[in-house]
Amino acid sequence: MADVLLFHHAQGLTPGVHAFADQLRVAGHTVHTPDLFDGRTFGSIDEGLAYAREVGFDNLLERGVRTADGLPNELVYAGFSLGEMIAQKLAQTRPGARGALLFYSAVPISGEWSFGPWPEGVPVQIHGMDADPVFVGEGDIEAAREIVEGVEDSDLFLYPGDQHYFADSSLPSYDAEATALLTTRVLEFLDRV
């Protein structure tokens, strides 16, 4: 069974993020869900991003990276949107990573915003909707494609739809059908890493 460090999105550690983590736990995996917003949740992505700007994206990134301190090195790093950035950084820079699960977002592995090359032997799955104005419209899909082209054990899964936080059952953007497929793929990934 896998040990997973799962980071929430810009609306915070919502009941939907907890529910997703609980599904992984029911399957026998250990899931850590740090709260980077100190208990705050937000009614919209814009409100959550405003708070993240106030705290500072670099501060949140470092706070997230520090949550791995004291945990085993052999983790699967997972993150939803804003939390994806932290998960990806840890997967690429912390020795011993067993895998990465990147939801709704991706950071290029080359260029000025890169965390460096993808480490050999670390599998990755990336999930997003094919008409998501953030994932597709802001270029994350191109970063996802770059990762998949350069990493041997990798998959990019696109789901039909235009929602960003589609796997958060507590939000109006939730898509039950896409989330069921995403969860199946994630559990298959965790069972083999």
C-alpha atoms as a PDB file:
ATOM      1  CA  MET A   1       0.000   0.000   0.000  1.00  0.00           C
ATOM      2  CA  ALA A   2       1.148   3.522  -0.774  1.00  0.00           C
ATOM      3  CA  ASP A   3       1.836   6.421   1.548  1.00  0.00           C
ATOM      4  CA  VAL A   4       0.398   9.594  -0.064  1.00  0.00           C
ATOM      5  CA  LEU A   5       0.960  13.252   0.724  1.00  0.00           C
ATOM      6  CA  LEU A   6      -2.045  15.078  -0.782  1.00  0.00           C
ATOM      7  CA  PHE A   7      -2.182  18.871  -1.133  1.00  0.00           C
ATOM      8  CA  HIS A   8      -5.448  20.796  -1.432  1.00  0.00           C
ATOM      9  CA  HIS A   9      -6.416  23.403  -4.033  1.00  0.00           C
ATOM     10  CA  ALA A  10      -6.928  27.164  -3.688  1.00  0.00           C
ATOM     11  CA  GLN A  11     -10.344  26.817  -2.046  1.00  0.00           C
ATOM     12  CA  GLY A  12      -8.655  25.066   0.860  1.00  0.00           C
ATOM     13  CA  LEU A  13      -8.950  21.706   2.550  1.00  0.00           C
ATOM     14  CA  THR A  14     -12.615  21.282   1.631  1.00  0.00           C
ATOM     15  CA  PRO A  15     -14.911  18.386   2.551  1.00  0.00           C
ATOM     16  CA  GLY A  16     -14.478  17.194  -1.056  1.00  0.00           C
ATOM     17  CA  VAL A  17     -10.692  16.935  -0.669  1.00  0.00           C
ATOM     18  CA  HIS A  18     -11.238  15.017   2.584  1.00  0.00           C
ATOM     19  CA  ALA A  19     -13.710  12.731   0.781  1.00  0.00           C
ATOM     20  CA  PHE A  20     -11.215  12.012  -1.991  1.00  0.00           C
ATOM     21  CA  ALA A  21      -8.505  11.203   0.568  1.00  0.00           C
ATOM     22  CA  ASP A  22     -10.956   8.941   2.413  1.00  0.00           C
ATOM     23  CA  GLN A  23     -11.590   6.947  -0.778  1.00  0.00           C
ATOM     24  CA  LEU A  24      -7.875   6.245  -1.010  1.00  0.00           C
ATOM     25  CA  ARG A  25      -7.772   5.313   2.675  1.00  0.00           C
ATOM     26  CA  VAL A  26     -10.669   2.866   2.262  1.00  0.00           C
ATOM     27  CA  ALA A  27      -8.571   1.142  -0.413  1.00  0.00           C
ATOM     28  CA  GLY A  28      -5.826   0.664   2.190  1.00  0.00           C
ATOM     29  CA  HIS A  29      -3.515   3.590   1.465  1.00  0.00           C
ATOM     30  CA  THR A  30      -2.175   6.031   4.041  1.00  0.00           C
ATOM     31  CA  VAL A  31      -3.042   9.616   3.085  1.00  0.00           C
ATOM     32  CA  HIS A  32      -1.707  12.768   4.729  1.00  0.00           C
ATOM     33  CA  THR A  33      -3.731  15.943   4.040  1.00  0.00           C
ATOM     34  CA  PRO A  34      -1.932  19.008   5.380  1.00  0.00           C
ATOM     35  CA  ASP A  35      -3.940  22.208   5.690  1.00  0.00           C
ATOM     36  CA  LEU A  36      -1.860  25.013   4.196  1.00  0.00           C
ATOM     37  CA  PHE A  37      -4.599  27.587   4.865  1.00  0.00           C
ATOM     38  CA  ASP A  38      -4.880  27.047   8.650  1.00  0.00           C
ATOM     39  CA  GLY A  39      -8.510  25.972   8.519  1.00  0.00           C
ATOM     40  CA  ARG A  40      -9.700  28.561   6.017  1.00  0.00           C
ATOM     41  CA  THR A  41     -11.782  27.540   3.018  1.00  0.00           C
ATOM     42  CA  PHE A  42     -13.059  29.835   0.295  1.00  0.00           C
ATOM     43  CA  GLY A  43     -16.244  30.033  -1.753  1.00  0.00           C
ATOM     44  CA  SER A  44     -14.433  30.550  -5.050  1.00  0.00           C
ATOM     45  CA  ILE A  45     -11.087  29.984  -6.715  1.00  0.00           C
ATOM     46  CA  ASP A  46     -10.575  33.748  -6.967  1.00  0.00           C
ATOM     47  CA  GLU A  47     -11.071  34.203  -3.211  1.00  0.00           C
ATOM     48  CA  GLY A  48      -8.646  31.381  -2.474  1.00  0.00           C
ATOM     49  CA  LEU A  49      -6.051  32.756  -4.876  1.00  0.00           C
ATOM     50  CA  ALA A  50      -6.392  36.203  -3.299  1.00  0.00           C
ATOM     51  CA  TYR A  51      -5.580  34.645   0.065  1.00  0.00           C
ATOM     52  CA  ALA A  52      -2.648  32.722  -1.485  1.00  0.00           C
ATOM     53  CA  ARG A  53      -1.290  35.989  -2.917  1.00  0.00           C
ATOM     54  CA  GLU A  54      -1.652  37.638   0.491  1.00  0.00           C
ATOM     55  CA  VAL A  55       0.287  34.827   2.184  1.00  0.00           C
ATOM     56  CA  GLY A  56       2.687  34.592  -0.767  1.00  0.00           C
ATOM     57  CA  PHE A  57       2.931  31.728  -3.241  1.00  0.00           C
ATOM     58  CA  ASP A  58       6.583  31.130  -2.309  1.00  0.00           C
ATOM     59  CA  ASN A  59       5.624  30.945   1.376  1.00  0.00           C
ATOM     60  CA  LEU A  60       2.865  28.427   0.620  1.00  0.00           C
ATOM     61  CA  LEU A  61       5.240  26.395  -1.521  1.00  0.00           C
ATOM     62  CA  GLU A  62       7.833  26.252   1.244  1.00  0.00           C
ATOM     63  CA  ARG A  63       5.174  25.549   3.892  1.00  0.00           C
ATOM     64  CA  GLY A  64       3.976  22.649   1.774  1.00  0.00           C
ATOM     65  CA  VAL A  65       7.479  21.311   1.221  1.00  0.00           C
ATOM     66  CA  ARG A  66       8.104  21.413   4.992  1.00  0.00           C
ATOM     67  CA  THR A  67       5.046  19.215   5.624  1.00  0.00           C
ATOM     68  CA  ALA A  68       7.078  16.337   4.191  1.00  0.00           C
ATOM     69  CA  ASP A  69       9.627  16.712   7.001  1.00  0.00           C
ATOM     70  CA  GLY A  70       9.204  13.859   9.426  1.00  0.00           C
ATOM     71  CA  LEU A  71       7.392  11.691   6.865  1.00  0.00           C
ATOM     72  CA  PRO A  72       9.049   8.791   5.065  1.00  0.00           C
ATOM     73  CA  ASN A  73      10.913   9.595   1.840  1.00  0.00           C
ATOM     74  CA  GLU A  74       8.992   6.885  -0.028  1.00  0.00           C
ATOM     75  CA  LEU A  75       5.867   8.953  -0.647  1.00  0.00           C
ATOM     76  CA  VAL A  76       3.519   9.457  -3.552  1.00  0.00           C
ATOM     77  CA  TYR A  77       3.041  13.205  -3.885  1.00  0.00           C
ATOM     78  CA  ALA A  78      -0.384  14.366  -5.023  1.00  0.00           C
ATOM     79  CA  GLY A  79      -1.899  17.799  -5.441  1.00  0.00           C
ATOM     80  CA  PHE A  80      -4.980  19.536  -6.730  1.00  0.00           C
ATOM     81  CA  SER A  81      -4.278  22.707  -8.791  1.00  0.00           C
ATOM     82  CA  LEU A  82      -2.453  25.069  -6.397  1.00  0.00           C
ATOM     83  CA  GLY A  83      -1.367  22.013  -4.394  1.00  0.00           C
ATOM     84  CA  GLU A  84      -0.072  20.377  -7.572  1.00  0.00           C
ATOM     85  CA  MET A  85       2.854  22.786  -7.614  1.00  0.00           C
ATOM     86  CA  ILE A  86       3.975  21.566  -4.170  1.00  0.00           C
ATOM     87  CA  ALA A  87       3.457  17.909  -5.031  1.00  0.00           C
ATOM     88  CA  GLN A  88       5.420  18.271  -8.247  1.00  0.00           C
ATOM     89  CA  LYS A  89       8.295  20.077  -6.538  1.00  0.00           C
ATOM     90  CA  LEU A  90       8.566  17.347  -3.910  1.00  0.00           C
ATOM     91  CA  ALA A  91       8.329  14.559  -6.495  1.00  0.00           C
ATOM     92  CA  GLN A  92      11.122  16.155  -8.509  1.00  0.00           C
ATOM     93  CA  THR A  93      13.425  17.234  -5.688  1.00  0.00           C
ATOM     94  CA  ARG A  94      12.933  15.024  -2.604  1.00  0.00           C
ATOM     95  CA  PRO A  95      14.835  11.743  -2.834  1.00  0.00           C
ATOM     96  CA  GLY A  96      12.833   8.519  -2.633  1.00  0.00           C
ATOM     97  CA  ALA A  97       9.601   9.630  -4.307  1.00  0.00           C
ATOM     98  CA  ARG A  98       7.452   6.658  -5.337  1.00  0.00           C
ATOM     99  CA  GLY A  99       5.250   8.639  -7.713  1.00  0.00           C
ATOM    100  CA  ALA A 100       3.286  11.789  -8.465  1.00  0.00           C
ATOM    101  CA  LEU A 101      -0.413  12.435  -9.020  1.00  0.00           C
ATOM    102  CA  LEU A 102      -1.026  15.861 -10.538  1.00  0.00           C
ATOM    103  CA  PHE A 103      -4.609  17.115 -10.766  1.00  0.00           C
ATOM    104  CA  TYR A 104      -5.762  20.046 -12.943  1.00  0.00           C
ATOM    105  CA  SER A 105      -2.300  21.578 -13.281  1.00  0.00           C
ATOM    106  CA  ALA A 106       1.330  20.981 -14.237  1.00  0.00           C
ATOM    107  CA  VAL A 107       4.593  22.907 -14.119  1.00  0.00           C
ATOM    108  CA  PRO A 108       6.988  22.648 -17.095  1.00  0.00           C
ATOM    109  CA  ILE A 109      10.108  20.542 -16.536  1.00  0.00           C
ATOM    110  CA  SER A 110      12.189  22.989 -18.556  1.00  0.00           C
ATOM    111  CA  GLY A 111      12.422  26.765 -18.515  1.00  0.00           C
ATOM    112  CA  GLU A 112      12.579  29.355 -15.767  1.00  0.00           C
ATOM    113  CA  TRP A 113       9.697  27.972 -13.654  1.00  0.00           C
ATOM    114  CA  SER A 114      11.037  24.415 -13.691  1.00  0.00           C
ATOM    115  CA  PHE A 115      11.971  22.412 -10.609  1.00  0.00           C
ATOM    116  CA  GLY A 116      14.592  20.677 -12.756  1.00  0.00           C
ATOM    117  CA  PRO A 117      14.522  17.418 -14.671  1.00  0.00           C
ATOM    118  CA  TRP A 118      12.050  14.699 -13.806  1.00  0.00           C
ATOM    119  CA  PRO A 119      13.783  12.060 -11.665  1.00  0.00           C
ATOM    120  CA  GLU A 120      14.358   8.710 -13.304  1.00  0.00           C
ATOM    121  CA  GLY A 121      12.072   5.939 -12.124  1.00  0.00           C
ATOM    122  CA  VAL A 122       9.356   8.208 -10.647  1.00  0.00           C
ATOM    123  CA  PRO A 123       6.013   7.499 -12.368  1.00  0.00           C
ATOM    124  CA  VAL A 124       3.445  10.237 -12.856  1.00  0.00           C
ATOM    125  CA  GLN A 125      -0.223  10.587 -13.720  1.00  0.00           C
ATOM    126  CA  ILE A 126      -1.711  13.940 -14.756  1.00  0.00           C
ATOM    127  CA  HIS A 127      -5.491  14.497 -14.829  1.00  0.00           C
ATOM    128  CA  GLY A 128      -7.485  17.399 -16.262  1.00  0.00           C
ATOM    129  CA  MET A 129     -10.550  18.284 -18.305  1.00  0.00           C
ATOM    130  CA  ASP A 130     -10.101  18.813 -22.020  1.00  0.00           C
ATOM    131  CA  ALA A 131     -11.895  22.187 -22.047  1.00  0.00           C
ATOM    132  CA  ASP A 132     -10.880  23.476 -18.595  1.00  0.00           C
ATOM    133  CA  PRO A 133     -10.139  27.178 -19.119  1.00  0.00           C
ATOM    134  CA  VAL A 134      -7.338  26.990 -16.526  1.00  0.00           C
ATOM    135  CA  PHE A 135      -5.697  23.656 -17.378  1.00  0.00           C
ATOM    136  CA  VAL A 136      -6.033  24.098 -21.139  1.00  0.00           C
ATOM    137  CA  GLY A 137      -6.463  27.855 -21.496  1.00  0.00           C
ATOM    138  CA  GLU A 138      -3.520  28.853 -19.298  1.00  0.00           C
ATOM    139  CA  GLY A 139      -1.067  26.363 -20.786  1.00  0.00           C
ATOM    140  CA  ASP A 140      -0.822  23.712 -18.099  1.00  0.00           C
ATOM    141  CA  ILE A 141      -1.769  21.090 -20.647  1.00  0.00           C
ATOM    142  CA  GLU A 142       1.397  21.921 -22.588  1.00  0.00           C
ATOM    143  CA  ALA A 143       3.473  21.441 -19.436  1.00  0.00           C
ATOM    144  CA  ALA A 144       1.652  18.145 -18.859  1.00  0.00           C
ATOM    145  CA  ARG A 145       2.459  17.009 -22.396  1.00  0.00           C
ATOM    146  CA  GLU A 146       6.117  17.957 -21.913  1.00  0.00           C
ATOM    147  CA  ILE A 147       6.260  15.813 -18.754  1.00  0.00           C
ATOM    148  CA  VAL A 148       4.590  12.850 -20.442  1.00  0.00           C
ATOM    149  CA  GLU A 149       6.905  13.074 -23.451  1.00  0.00           C
ATOM    150  CA  GLY A 150       9.972  13.072 -21.205  1.00  0.00           C
ATOM    151  CA  VAL A 151       8.974  10.555 -18.526  1.00  0.00           C
ATOM    152  CA  GLU A 152       8.886   6.863 -19.378  1.00  0.00           C
ATOM    153  CA  ASP A 153       6.194   5.821 -16.882  1.00  0.00           C
ATOM    154  CA  SER A 154       3.639   8.597 -17.324  1.00  0.00           C
ATOM    155  CA  ASP A 155       0.060   9.218 -18.363  1.00  0.00           C
ATOM    156  CA  LEU A 156      -1.987  12.293 -19.212  1.00  0.00           C
ATOM    157  CA  PHE A 157      -5.689  11.636 -18.777  1.00  0.00           C
ATOM    158  CA  LEU A 158      -8.148  14.115 -20.261  1.00  0.00           C
ATOM    159  CA  TYR A 159     -11.827  14.037 -19.332  1.00  0.00           C
ATOM    160  CA  PRO A 160     -14.623  15.683 -21.306  1.00  0.00           C
ATOM    161  CA  GLY A 161     -15.725  18.930 -19.720  1.00  0.00           C
ATOM    162  CA  ASP A 162     -14.775  22.452 -18.752  1.00  0.00           C
ATOM    163  CA  GLN A 163     -14.585  22.295 -14.950  1.00  0.00           C
ATOM    164  CA  HIS A 164     -11.381  22.908 -13.025  1.00  0.00           C
ATOM    165  CA  TYR A 165     -12.045  21.288  -9.620  1.00  0.00           C
ATOM    166  CA  PHE A 166     -14.102  18.429 -11.043  1.00  0.00           C
ATOM    167  CA  ALA A 167     -13.042  15.803  -8.465  1.00  0.00           C
ATOM    168  CA  ASP A 168     -14.100  17.837  -5.396  1.00  0.00           C
ATOM    169  CA  SER A 169     -17.503  16.459  -4.405  1.00  0.00           C
ATOM    170  CA  SER A 170     -18.230  19.458  -2.173  1.00  0.00           C
ATOM    171  CA  LEU A 171     -18.144  22.011  -5.009  1.00  0.00           C
ATOM    172  CA  PRO A 172     -20.571  22.835  -7.844  1.00  0.00           C
ATOM    173  CA  SER A 173     -17.833  21.950 -10.383  1.00  0.00           C
ATOM    174  CA  TYR A 174     -17.959  18.284  -9.309  1.00  0.00           C
ATOM    175  CA  ASP A 175     -18.355  15.719 -12.091  1.00  0.00           C
ATOM    176  CA  ALA A 176     -19.203  12.324 -10.596  1.00  0.00           C
ATOM    177  CA  GLU A 177     -18.590  10.319 -13.775  1.00  0.00           C
ATOM    178  CA  ALA A 178     -15.165  11.861 -14.471  1.00  0.00           C
ATOM    179  CA  THR A 179     -14.211  11.530 -10.806  1.00  0.00           C
ATOM    180  CA  ALA A 180     -15.130   7.839 -10.725  1.00  0.00           C
ATOM    181  CA  LEU A 181     -12.825   7.180 -13.681  1.00  0.00           C
ATOM    182  CA  LEU A 182     -10.075   9.373 -12.200  1.00  0.00           C
ATOM    183  CA  THR A 183     -10.332   7.516  -8.868  1.00  0.00           C
ATOM    184  CA  THR A 184     -10.108   4.125 -10.590  1.00  0.00           C
ATOM    185  CA  ARG A 185      -6.968   5.231 -12.427  1.00  0.00           C
ATOM    186  CA  VAL A 186      -5.437   6.695  -9.271  1.00  0.00           C
ATOM    187  CA  LEU A 187      -6.090   3.501  -7.284  1.00  0.00           C
ATOM    188  CA  GLU A 188      -4.535   1.384 -10.047  1.00  0.00           C
ATOM    189  CA  PHE A 189      -1.492   3.668  -9.965  1.00  0.00           C
ATOM    190  CA  LEU A 190      -1.181   3.472  -6.173  1.00  0.00           C
ATOM    191  CA  ASP A 191      -1.511  -0.313  -6.225  1.00  0.00           C
ATOM    192  CA  ARG A 192       1.519  -0.656  -8.508  1.00  0.00           C
ATOM    193  CA  VAL A 193       3.959   1.947  -7.133  1.00  0.00           C
END
